[in-house]
Amino acid sequence: MTELLEELEEKKKKANSQAEKYKRLRDEKNEEAKKWVEKRDEHNAKVKELIEKGNELKEERNDLNEKVKEYKEKRDELNQKVNELSRELKQEKREVLPKDGKSMEQLKKEIEGLEYEQMTNVLTPDEEKEIIDKISEKQQELEKREKLIEENEKIMELTEELDEAKDEAEEYHKKVSELAEKAQKKHDEMLEKFDKADEVREKADEGQKKFVKAKEKGDEYHEKHIEAVNEVRDYNKIISGLKKKQRRAKKEKEETETQREAKELYEKFKKGEKLGTDDIMTLQKAGLL
């Protein structure tokens, strides 16, 4: 039995060592899992922050696009007004200016052509005088037309109204360009935030996978730890039972030897032999006195 107990104690020692090993491995994996959870949560918080910022930029972009739309409509209305005023002004000028002459634009071009010819060509005095006379004649004709226009109140009012409409349309066009540029910038920033969120989300997903892997391994080591602990407990029960049995067998052996010794002493007592104090106590313990 002693050899069996020694063998069982050795097996219990190994099982206990295994239990400690799996406990250490379990704790290491649980700590690793905890770190991955922290990283995952950190990445998810960053994703949330980026998406919120992206949505803010999206809202700002949409607001700007609404303004762009509003200003485009206003600009188009003004451009339509410019076209209508231009047509009305041209019609009014046609009614005021002589029907048999050239238009003011034609006269201006002809004057510019003659002036260019005078400056660039080598001319005789007679040729140059002829060009100067033509220029003077056309300028007089142009001035006559300009005077007719300047003296016409309706044409002057239409011209002023047209210039104002053009300036206002140009102002709205500038606003449309500026706001469209700002909206595009917000759009680009929004896409950048959403792309970054996708990038960080991949890291969060990777952290989740590594957390699950570490947790599963930790659970596996925990199960092995429990198995080893139960094995140690089982060995303890068996060893305890064997030791109890061993103690009982020893006690029974001792009691048997005491009974045998007591019987021998009792025979001596019956024969009248003198017994010592220890002998008498032995007889009493055996129930023979």
C-alpha atoms as a PDB file:
ATOM      1  CA  MET A   1       0.000   0.000   0.000  1.00  0.00           C
ATOM      2  CA  THR A   2       2.905   2.324   0.735  1.00  0.00           C
ATOM      3  CA  GLU A   3       4.092   2.068  -2.882  1.00  0.00           C
ATOM      4  CA  LEU A   4       0.575   2.749  -4.125  1.00  0.00           C
ATOM      5  CA  LEU A   5       0.308   5.848  -1.898  1.00  0.00           C
ATOM      6  CA  GLU A   6       3.666   7.082  -3.145  1.00  0.00           C
ATOM      7  CA  GLU A   7       2.536   6.570  -6.754  1.00  0.00           C
ATOM      8  CA  LEU A   8      -0.733   8.397  -6.102  1.00  0.00           C
ATOM      9  CA  GLU A   9       1.081  11.272  -4.368  1.00  0.00           C
ATOM     10  CA  GLU A  10       3.358  11.602  -7.399  1.00  0.00           C
ATOM     11  CA  LYS A  11       0.369  11.654  -9.763  1.00  0.00           C
ATOM     12  CA  LYS A  12      -1.366  14.235  -7.549  1.00  0.00           C
ATOM     13  CA  LYS A  13       1.782  16.366  -7.625  1.00  0.00           C
ATOM     14  CA  LYS A  14       1.844  16.231 -11.441  1.00  0.00           C
ATOM     15  CA  ALA A  15      -1.893  17.044 -11.650  1.00  0.00           C
ATOM     16  CA  ASN A  16      -1.384  19.970  -9.258  1.00  0.00           C
ATOM     17  CA  SER A  17       1.509  21.206 -11.414  1.00  0.00           C
ATOM     18  CA  GLN A  18      -0.743  20.968 -14.489  1.00  0.00           C
ATOM     19  CA  ALA A  19      -3.480  22.887 -12.665  1.00  0.00           C
ATOM     20  CA  GLU A  20      -1.025  25.684 -11.821  1.00  0.00           C
ATOM     21  CA  LYS A  21       0.295  25.757 -15.393  1.00  0.00           C
ATOM     22  CA  TYR A  22      -3.181  26.012 -16.934  1.00  0.00           C
ATOM     23  CA  LYS A  23      -4.159  28.655 -14.386  1.00  0.00           C
ATOM     24  CA  ARG A  24      -1.136  30.748 -15.386  1.00  0.00           C
ATOM     25  CA  LEU A  25      -1.877  30.274 -19.106  1.00  0.00           C
ATOM     26  CA  ARG A  26      -5.561  31.094 -18.517  1.00  0.00           C
ATOM     27  CA  ASP A  27      -4.673  34.309 -16.651  1.00  0.00           C
ATOM     28  CA  GLU A  28      -2.228  35.318 -19.413  1.00  0.00           C
ATOM     29  CA  LYS A  29      -4.868  34.792 -22.119  1.00  0.00           C
ATOM     30  CA  ASN A  30      -7.526  36.614 -20.079  1.00  0.00           C
ATOM     31  CA  GLU A  31      -5.125  39.540 -19.668  1.00  0.00           C
ATOM     32  CA  GLU A  32      -4.448  39.477 -23.414  1.00  0.00           C
ATOM     33  CA  ALA A  33      -8.203  39.390 -24.084  1.00  0.00           C
ATOM     34  CA  LYS A  34      -8.654  42.385 -21.759  1.00  0.00           C
ATOM     35  CA  LYS A  35      -6.033  44.383 -23.694  1.00  0.00           C
ATOM     36  CA  TRP A  36      -7.712  43.572 -27.018  1.00  0.00           C
ATOM     37  CA  VAL A  37     -11.088  44.627 -25.592  1.00  0.00           C
ATOM     38  CA  GLU A  38      -9.554  47.964 -24.569  1.00  0.00           C
ATOM     39  CA  LYS A  39      -8.036  48.445 -28.036  1.00  0.00           C
ATOM     40  CA  ARG A  40     -11.307  47.423 -29.720  1.00  0.00           C
ATOM     41  CA  ASP A  41     -13.314  49.850 -27.562  1.00  0.00           C
ATOM     42  CA  GLU A  42     -10.754  52.596 -28.204  1.00  0.00           C
ATOM     43  CA  HIS A  43     -11.041  52.055 -31.982  1.00  0.00           C
ATOM     44  CA  ASN A  44     -14.860  51.906 -31.814  1.00  0.00           C
ATOM     45  CA  ALA A  45     -14.891  55.202 -29.873  1.00  0.00           C
ATOM     46  CA  LYS A  46     -12.689  56.730 -32.596  1.00  0.00           C
ATOM     47  CA  VAL A  47     -15.025  55.355 -35.298  1.00  0.00           C
ATOM     48  CA  LYS A  48     -17.989  56.942 -33.530  1.00  0.00           C
ATOM     49  CA  GLU A  49     -16.141  60.269 -33.263  1.00  0.00           C
ATOM     50  CA  LEU A  50     -15.178  60.198 -36.972  1.00  0.00           C
ATOM     51  CA  ILE A  51     -18.722  59.312 -38.085  1.00  0.00           C
ATOM     52  CA  GLU A  52     -20.194  62.095 -35.937  1.00  0.00           C
ATOM     53  CA  LYS A  53     -17.724  64.569 -37.439  1.00  0.00           C
ATOM     54  CA  GLY A  54     -18.452  63.219 -40.935  1.00  0.00           C
ATOM     55  CA  ASN A  55     -22.189  63.683 -40.381  1.00  0.00           C
ATOM     56  CA  GLU A  56     -21.586  67.248 -39.137  1.00  0.00           C
ATOM     57  CA  LEU A  57     -19.604  67.979 -42.322  1.00  0.00           C
ATOM     58  CA  LYS A  58     -22.356  66.347 -44.392  1.00  0.00           C
ATOM     59  CA  GLU A  59     -24.953  68.602 -42.785  1.00  0.00           C
ATOM     60  CA  GLU A  60     -22.762  71.671 -43.362  1.00  0.00           C
ATOM     61  CA  ARG A  61     -22.240  70.600 -46.988  1.00  0.00           C
ATOM     62  CA  ASN A  62     -25.990  70.155 -47.490  1.00  0.00           C
ATOM     63  CA  ASP A  63     -26.666  73.593 -45.993  1.00  0.00           C
ATOM     64  CA  LEU A  64     -24.116  75.123 -48.350  1.00  0.00           C
ATOM     65  CA  ASN A  65     -25.600  73.266 -51.324  1.00  0.00           C
ATOM     66  CA  GLU A  66     -29.019  74.651 -50.402  1.00  0.00           C
ATOM     67  CA  LYS A  67     -27.507  78.145 -50.413  1.00  0.00           C
ATOM     68  CA  VAL A  68     -25.835  77.416 -53.764  1.00  0.00           C
ATOM     69  CA  LYS A  69     -29.189  76.312 -55.162  1.00  0.00           C
ATOM     70  CA  GLU A  70     -30.892  79.426 -53.779  1.00  0.00           C
ATOM     71  CA  TYR A  71     -28.231  81.774 -55.194  1.00  0.00           C
ATOM     72  CA  LYS A  72     -28.211  79.973 -58.555  1.00  0.00           C
ATOM     73  CA  GLU A  73     -31.945  80.518 -58.864  1.00  0.00           C
ATOM     74  CA  LYS A  74     -31.483  84.197 -57.995  1.00  0.00           C
ATOM     75  CA  ARG A  75     -28.572  84.517 -60.442  1.00  0.00           C
ATOM     76  CA  ASP A  76     -30.566  82.822 -63.218  1.00  0.00           C
ATOM     77  CA  GLU A  77     -33.507  85.142 -62.551  1.00  0.00           C
ATOM     78  CA  LEU A  78     -31.172  88.139 -62.844  1.00  0.00           C
ATOM     79  CA  ASN A  79     -29.550  86.755 -66.012  1.00  0.00           C
ATOM     80  CA  GLN A  80     -33.011  86.364 -67.484  1.00  0.00           C
ATOM     81  CA  LYS A  81     -33.741  89.941 -66.479  1.00  0.00           C
ATOM     82  CA  VAL A  82     -30.444  91.032 -68.101  1.00  0.00           C
ATOM     83  CA  ASN A  83     -31.438  89.285 -71.342  1.00  0.00           C
ATOM     84  CA  GLU A  84     -34.887  90.873 -71.323  1.00  0.00           C
ATOM     85  CA  LEU A  85     -33.478  94.351 -70.608  1.00  0.00           C
ATOM     86  CA  SER A  86     -30.821  93.881 -73.313  1.00  0.00           C
ATOM     87  CA  ARG A  87     -33.482  92.990 -75.869  1.00  0.00           C
ATOM     88  CA  GLU A  88     -35.646  95.901 -74.765  1.00  0.00           C
ATOM     89  CA  LEU A  89     -32.683  98.294 -74.891  1.00  0.00           C
ATOM     90  CA  LYS A  90     -31.651  97.145 -78.365  1.00  0.00           C
ATOM     91  CA  GLN A  91     -35.220  97.570 -79.577  1.00  0.00           C
ATOM     92  CA  GLU A  92     -35.410 101.061 -78.085  1.00  0.00           C
ATOM     93  CA  LYS A  93     -32.090 102.039 -79.695  1.00  0.00           C
ATOM     94  CA  ARG A  94     -33.260 100.755 -83.080  1.00  0.00           C
ATOM     95  CA  GLU A  95     -36.321 102.953 -82.806  1.00  0.00           C
ATOM     96  CA  VAL A  96     -34.254 106.013 -81.838  1.00  0.00           C
ATOM     97  CA  LEU A  97     -31.250 105.650 -84.158  1.00  0.00           C
ATOM     98  CA  PRO A  98     -31.381 106.393 -87.907  1.00  0.00           C
ATOM     99  CA  LYS A  99     -32.559 103.445 -89.970  1.00  0.00           C
ATOM    100  CA  ASP A 100     -30.247 104.182 -92.919  1.00  0.00           C
ATOM    101  CA  GLY A 101     -26.968 104.330 -90.968  1.00  0.00           C
ATOM    102  CA  LYS A 102     -24.640 101.744 -89.527  1.00  0.00           C
ATOM    103  CA  SER A 103     -24.858 100.532 -85.984  1.00  0.00           C
ATOM    104  CA  MET A 104     -22.711 102.134 -83.299  1.00  0.00           C
ATOM    105  CA  GLU A 105     -20.715  98.925 -82.909  1.00  0.00           C
ATOM    106  CA  GLN A 106     -19.929  98.901 -86.624  1.00  0.00           C
ATOM    107  CA  LEU A 107     -18.836 102.543 -86.535  1.00  0.00           C
ATOM    108  CA  LYS A 108     -16.550 101.912 -83.566  1.00  0.00           C
ATOM    109  CA  LYS A 109     -14.907  98.958 -85.322  1.00  0.00           C
ATOM    110  CA  GLU A 110     -14.401 100.978 -88.493  1.00  0.00           C
ATOM    111  CA  ILE A 111     -12.853 103.866 -86.547  1.00  0.00           C
ATOM    112  CA  GLU A 112     -10.494 101.423 -84.752  1.00  0.00           C
ATOM    113  CA  GLY A 113      -9.545  99.887 -88.118  1.00  0.00           C
ATOM    114  CA  LEU A 114      -8.759 103.272 -89.643  1.00  0.00           C
ATOM    115  CA  GLU A 115      -6.737 104.367 -86.608  1.00  0.00           C
ATOM    116  CA  TYR A 116      -4.757 101.094 -86.743  1.00  0.00           C
ATOM    117  CA  GLU A 117      -4.099 101.632 -90.461  1.00  0.00           C
ATOM    118  CA  GLN A 118      -2.922 105.212 -89.806  1.00  0.00           C
ATOM    119  CA  MET A 119      -0.483 104.047 -87.091  1.00  0.00           C
ATOM    120  CA  THR A 120       0.939 100.992 -88.827  1.00  0.00           C
ATOM    121  CA  ASN A 121       1.114 101.913 -92.504  1.00  0.00           C
ATOM    122  CA  VAL A 122       3.530 104.267 -94.264  1.00  0.00           C
ATOM    123  CA  LEU A 123       1.221 106.837 -95.882  1.00  0.00           C
ATOM    124  CA  THR A 124       1.625 109.806 -98.142  1.00  0.00           C
ATOM    125  CA  PRO A 125       0.273 113.119 -96.813  1.00  0.00           C
ATOM    126  CA  ASP A 126      -2.759 112.806 -99.080  1.00  0.00           C
ATOM    127  CA  GLU A 127      -3.459 109.234 -97.950  1.00  0.00           C
ATOM    128  CA  GLU A 128      -3.099 110.170 -94.300  1.00  0.00           C
ATOM    129  CA  LYS A 129      -5.408 113.184 -94.738  1.00  0.00           C
ATOM    130  CA  GLU A 130      -7.960 110.924 -96.418  1.00  0.00           C
ATOM    131  CA  ILE A 131      -7.883 108.506 -93.447  1.00  0.00           C
ATOM    132  CA  ILE A 132      -8.127 111.368 -90.936  1.00  0.00           C
ATOM    133  CA  ASP A 133     -11.147 112.752 -92.771  1.00  0.00           C
ATOM    134  CA  LYS A 134     -12.813 109.325 -92.729  1.00  0.00           C
ATOM    135  CA  ILE A 135     -12.121 108.946 -89.022  1.00  0.00           C
ATOM    136  CA  SER A 136     -13.524 112.401 -88.334  1.00  0.00           C
ATOM    137  CA  GLU A 137     -16.609 111.684 -90.423  1.00  0.00           C
ATOM    138  CA  LYS A 138     -17.322 108.404 -88.666  1.00  0.00           C
ATOM    139  CA  GLN A 139     -16.679 109.899 -85.213  1.00  0.00           C
ATOM    140  CA  GLN A 140     -19.165 112.679 -85.962  1.00  0.00           C
ATOM    141  CA  GLU A 141     -21.694 110.087 -87.047  1.00  0.00           C
ATOM    142  CA  LEU A 142     -20.995 108.076 -83.869  1.00  0.00           C
ATOM    143  CA  GLU A 143     -21.273 111.129 -81.631  1.00  0.00           C
ATOM    144  CA  LYS A 144     -24.591 111.989 -83.282  1.00  0.00           C
ATOM    145  CA  ARG A 145     -25.928 108.568 -82.404  1.00  0.00           C
ATOM    146  CA  GLU A 146     -24.508 108.734 -78.873  1.00  0.00           C
ATOM    147  CA  LYS A 147     -26.202 112.079 -78.390  1.00  0.00           C
ATOM    148  CA  LEU A 148     -29.513 110.662 -79.557  1.00  0.00           C
ATOM    149  CA  ILE A 149     -29.164 107.874 -77.003  1.00  0.00           C
ATOM    150  CA  GLU A 150     -28.025 110.156 -74.148  1.00  0.00           C
ATOM    151  CA  GLU A 151     -30.946 112.471 -74.758  1.00  0.00           C
ATOM    152  CA  ASN A 152     -33.413 109.566 -74.632  1.00  0.00           C
ATOM    153  CA  GLU A 153     -34.601 109.192 -71.025  1.00  0.00           C
ATOM    154  CA  LYS A 154     -36.043 105.715 -71.480  1.00  0.00           C
ATOM    155  CA  ILE A 155     -32.790 104.392 -72.986  1.00  0.00           C
ATOM    156  CA  MET A 156     -30.794 105.860 -70.102  1.00  0.00           C
ATOM    157  CA  GLU A 157     -33.147 104.292 -67.560  1.00  0.00           C
ATOM    158  CA  LEU A 158     -32.937 100.924 -69.294  1.00  0.00           C
ATOM    159  CA  THR A 159     -29.136 101.184 -69.487  1.00  0.00           C
ATOM    160  CA  GLU A 160     -28.878 101.980 -65.775  1.00  0.00           C
ATOM    161  CA  GLU A 161     -31.284  99.168 -64.872  1.00  0.00           C
ATOM    162  CA  LEU A 162     -29.346  96.761 -67.113  1.00  0.00           C
ATOM    163  CA  ASP A 163     -26.013  97.675 -65.518  1.00  0.00           C
ATOM    164  CA  GLU A 164     -27.466  97.149 -62.028  1.00  0.00           C
ATOM    165  CA  ALA A 165     -28.918  93.774 -63.026  1.00  0.00           C
ATOM    166  CA  LYS A 166     -25.570  92.722 -64.518  1.00  0.00           C
ATOM    167  CA  ASP A 167     -23.676  93.763 -61.371  1.00  0.00           C
ATOM    168  CA  GLU A 168     -26.178  91.968 -59.152  1.00  0.00           C
ATOM    169  CA  ALA A 169     -26.079  88.823 -61.316  1.00  0.00           C
ATOM    170  CA  GLU A 170     -22.275  88.875 -61.205  1.00  0.00           C
ATOM    171  CA  GLU A 171     -22.374  89.232 -57.402  1.00  0.00           C
ATOM    172  CA  TYR A 172     -24.647  86.203 -57.091  1.00  0.00           C
ATOM    173  CA  HIS A 173     -22.431  84.289 -59.502  1.00  0.00           C
ATOM    174  CA  LYS A 174     -19.429  84.988 -57.258  1.00  0.00           C
ATOM    175  CA  LYS A 175     -21.418  83.801 -54.225  1.00  0.00           C
ATOM    176  CA  VAL A 176     -22.416  80.632 -56.077  1.00  0.00           C
ATOM    177  CA  SER A 177     -18.757  79.926 -56.944  1.00  0.00           C
ATOM    178  CA  GLU A 178     -17.540  80.634 -53.405  1.00  0.00           C
ATOM    179  CA  LEU A 179     -20.243  78.548 -51.734  1.00  0.00           C
ATOM    180  CA  ALA A 180     -19.858  75.704 -54.250  1.00  0.00           C
ATOM    181  CA  GLU A 181     -16.133  75.641 -53.479  1.00  0.00           C
ATOM    182  CA  LYS A 182     -16.835  75.572 -49.731  1.00  0.00           C
ATOM    183  CA  ALA A 183     -19.434  72.813 -50.212  1.00  0.00           C
ATOM    184  CA  GLN A 184     -16.921  70.750 -52.216  1.00  0.00           C
ATOM    185  CA  LYS A 185     -14.342  71.208 -49.469  1.00  0.00           C
ATOM    186  CA  LYS A 186     -16.843  70.048 -46.839  1.00  0.00           C
ATOM    187  CA  HIS A 187     -17.715  67.084 -49.082  1.00  0.00           C
ATOM    188  CA  ASP A 188     -14.048  66.103 -49.439  1.00  0.00           C
ATOM    189  CA  GLU A 189     -13.508  66.436 -45.667  1.00  0.00           C
ATOM    190  CA  MET A 190     -16.644  64.358 -45.047  1.00  0.00           C
ATOM    191  CA  LEU A 191     -15.393  61.561 -47.326  1.00  0.00           C
ATOM    192  CA  GLU A 192     -12.018  61.706 -45.620  1.00  0.00           C
ATOM    193  CA  LYS A 193     -13.679  61.221 -42.198  1.00  0.00           C
ATOM    194  CA  PHE A 194     -15.848  58.336 -43.432  1.00  0.00           C
ATOM    195  CA  ASP A 195     -12.865  56.664 -45.144  1.00  0.00           C
ATOM    196  CA  LYS A 196     -10.838  57.034 -41.945  1.00  0.00           C
ATOM    197  CA  ALA A 197     -13.774  55.597 -39.962  1.00  0.00           C
ATOM    198  CA  ASP A 198     -13.791  52.536 -42.262  1.00  0.00           C
ATOM    199  CA  GLU A 199     -10.044  52.173 -41.782  1.00  0.00           C
ATOM    200  CA  VAL A 200     -10.299  52.377 -37.975  1.00  0.00           C
ATOM    201  CA  ARG A 201     -13.364  50.073 -37.990  1.00  0.00           C
ATOM    202  CA  GLU A 202     -11.213  47.403 -39.648  1.00  0.00           C
ATOM    203  CA  LYS A 203      -8.768  47.731 -36.755  1.00  0.00           C
ATOM    204  CA  ALA A 204     -11.664  47.441 -34.280  1.00  0.00           C
ATOM    205  CA  ASP A 205     -12.917  44.311 -36.078  1.00  0.00           C
ATOM    206  CA  GLU A 206      -9.406  42.866 -35.989  1.00  0.00           C
ATOM    207  CA  GLY A 207      -9.231  43.653 -32.256  1.00  0.00           C
ATOM    208  CA  GLN A 208     -12.573  41.879 -31.764  1.00  0.00           C
ATOM    209  CA  LYS A 209     -11.293  38.783 -33.591  1.00  0.00           C
ATOM    210  CA  LYS A 210      -8.127  38.690 -31.486  1.00  0.00           C
ATOM    211  CA  PHE A 211     -10.177  39.235 -28.316  1.00  0.00           C
ATOM    212  CA  VAL A 212     -12.454  36.288 -29.195  1.00  0.00           C
ATOM    213  CA  LYS A 213      -9.441  34.120 -30.028  1.00  0.00           C
ATOM    214  CA  ALA A 214      -7.684  34.979 -26.747  1.00  0.00           C
ATOM    215  CA  LYS A 215     -10.938  34.529 -24.781  1.00  0.00           C
ATOM    216  CA  GLU A 216     -11.595  31.121 -26.340  1.00  0.00           C
ATOM    217  CA  LYS A 217      -8.025  30.040 -25.553  1.00  0.00           C
ATOM    218  CA  GLY A 218      -8.417  31.380 -21.995  1.00  0.00           C
ATOM    219  CA  ASP A 219     -11.668  29.406 -21.600  1.00  0.00           C
ATOM    220  CA  GLU A 220      -9.923  26.306 -22.937  1.00  0.00           C
ATOM    221  CA  TYR A 221      -7.111  26.701 -20.396  1.00  0.00           C
ATOM    222  CA  HIS A 222      -9.695  27.349 -17.666  1.00  0.00           C
ATOM    223  CA  GLU A 223     -11.463  24.069 -18.463  1.00  0.00           C
ATOM    224  CA  LYS A 224      -8.137  22.220 -18.368  1.00  0.00           C
ATOM    225  CA  HIS A 225      -7.329  23.953 -15.074  1.00  0.00           C
ATOM    226  CA  ILE A 226     -10.665  22.807 -13.595  1.00  0.00           C
ATOM    227  CA  GLU A 227     -10.069  19.270 -14.900  1.00  0.00           C
ATOM    228  CA  ALA A 228      -6.636  19.201 -13.257  1.00  0.00           C
ATOM    229  CA  VAL A 229      -8.051  20.657 -10.000  1.00  0.00           C
ATOM    230  CA  ASN A 230     -10.772  17.978 -10.012  1.00  0.00           C
ATOM    231  CA  GLU A 231      -8.112  15.371 -10.688  1.00  0.00           C
ATOM    232  CA  VAL A 232      -6.114  16.625  -7.671  1.00  0.00           C
ATOM    233  CA  ARG A 233      -9.312  16.508  -5.599  1.00  0.00           C
ATOM    234  CA  ASP A 234      -9.959  12.934  -6.740  1.00  0.00           C
ATOM    235  CA  TYR A 235      -6.429  11.904  -5.860  1.00  0.00           C
ATOM    236  CA  ASN A 236      -6.842  13.541  -2.442  1.00  0.00           C
ATOM    237  CA  LYS A 237     -10.010  11.524  -1.838  1.00  0.00           C
ATOM    238  CA  ILE A 238      -8.338   8.264  -2.879  1.00  0.00           C
ATOM    239  CA  ILE A 239      -5.188   8.997  -0.862  1.00  0.00           C
ATOM    240  CA  SER A 240      -7.257  10.052   2.151  1.00  0.00           C
ATOM    241  CA  GLY A 241      -9.326   6.855   1.894  1.00  0.00           C
ATOM    242  CA  LEU A 242      -6.252   4.670   1.608  1.00  0.00           C
ATOM    243  CA  LYS A 243      -4.570   6.383   4.550  1.00  0.00           C
ATOM    244  CA  LYS A 244      -7.722   5.942   6.617  1.00  0.00           C
ATOM    245  CA  LYS A 245      -7.828   2.274   5.627  1.00  0.00           C
ATOM    246  CA  GLN A 246      -4.150   1.976   6.460  1.00  0.00           C
ATOM    247  CA  ARG A 247      -4.702   3.550   9.873  1.00  0.00           C
ATOM    248  CA  ARG A 248      -7.681   1.247  10.500  1.00  0.00           C
ATOM    249  CA  ALA A 249      -5.676  -1.804   9.504  1.00  0.00           C
ATOM    250  CA  LYS A 250      -2.847  -0.720  11.782  1.00  0.00           C
ATOM    251  CA  LYS A 251      -5.286  -0.156  14.629  1.00  0.00           C
ATOM    252  CA  GLU A 252      -6.901  -3.561  14.031  1.00  0.00           C
ATOM    253  CA  LYS A 253      -3.454  -5.133  13.972  1.00  0.00           C
ATOM    254  CA  GLU A 254      -2.542  -3.399  17.203  1.00  0.00           C
ATOM    255  CA  GLU A 255      -5.845  -4.457  18.779  1.00  0.00           C
ATOM    256  CA  THR A 256      -5.270  -8.076  17.666  1.00  0.00           C
ATOM    257  CA  GLU A 257      -1.805  -8.086  19.185  1.00  0.00           C
ATOM    258  CA  THR A 258      -3.214  -6.576  22.401  1.00  0.00           C
ATOM    259  CA  GLN A 259      -5.889  -9.285  22.566  1.00  0.00           C
ATOM    260  CA  ARG A 260      -3.327 -12.005  22.014  1.00  0.00           C
ATOM    261  CA  GLU A 261      -1.045 -10.567  24.670  1.00  0.00           C
ATOM    262  CA  ALA A 262      -3.994 -10.140  27.033  1.00  0.00           C
ATOM    263  CA  LYS A 263      -4.996 -13.803  26.601  1.00  0.00           C
ATOM    264  CA  GLU A 264      -1.478 -14.916  27.412  1.00  0.00           C
ATOM    265  CA  LEU A 265      -1.443 -12.714  30.529  1.00  0.00           C
ATOM    266  CA  TYR A 266      -4.874 -13.956  31.543  1.00  0.00           C
ATOM    267  CA  GLU A 267      -3.665 -17.583  31.348  1.00  0.00           C
ATOM    268  CA  LYS A 268      -0.756 -16.641  33.546  1.00  0.00           C
ATOM    269  CA  PHE A 269      -3.141 -14.901  35.956  1.00  0.00           C
ATOM    270  CA  LYS A 270      -5.336 -18.003  36.168  1.00  0.00           C
ATOM    271  CA  LYS A 271      -2.282 -20.081  36.943  1.00  0.00           C
ATOM    272  CA  GLY A 272      -1.584 -17.779  39.816  1.00  0.00           C
ATOM    273  CA  GLU A 273       1.394 -16.016  38.382  1.00  0.00           C
ATOM    274  CA  LYS A 274       2.001 -12.516  39.632  1.00  0.00           C
ATOM    275  CA  LEU A 275       1.222  -9.722  37.115  1.00  0.00           C
ATOM    276  CA  GLY A 276       2.613  -6.179  36.958  1.00  0.00           C
ATOM    277  CA  THR A 277       0.626  -2.935  36.725  1.00  0.00           C
ATOM    278  CA  ASP A 278       1.096  -2.748  32.938  1.00  0.00           C
ATOM    279  CA  ASP A 279      -0.096  -6.333  32.602  1.00  0.00           C
ATOM    280  CA  ILE A 280      -3.251  -5.600  34.584  1.00  0.00           C
ATOM    281  CA  MET A 281      -3.941  -2.493  32.413  1.00  0.00           C
ATOM    282  CA  THR A 282      -3.531  -4.650  29.311  1.00  0.00           C
ATOM    283  CA  LEU A 283      -6.108  -7.112  30.684  1.00  0.00           C
ATOM    284  CA  GLN A 284      -8.496  -4.256  31.483  1.00  0.00           C
ATOM    285  CA  LYS A 285      -8.075  -2.790  27.965  1.00  0.00           C
ATOM    286  CA  ALA A 286      -8.897  -6.210  26.496  1.00  0.00           C
ATOM    287  CA  GLY A 287     -11.991  -6.452  28.770  1.00  0.00           C
ATOM    288  CA  LEU A 288     -10.724  -9.510  30.567  1.00  0.00           C
ATOM    289  CA  LEU A 289     -10.839  -7.881  34.034  1.00  0.00           C
END
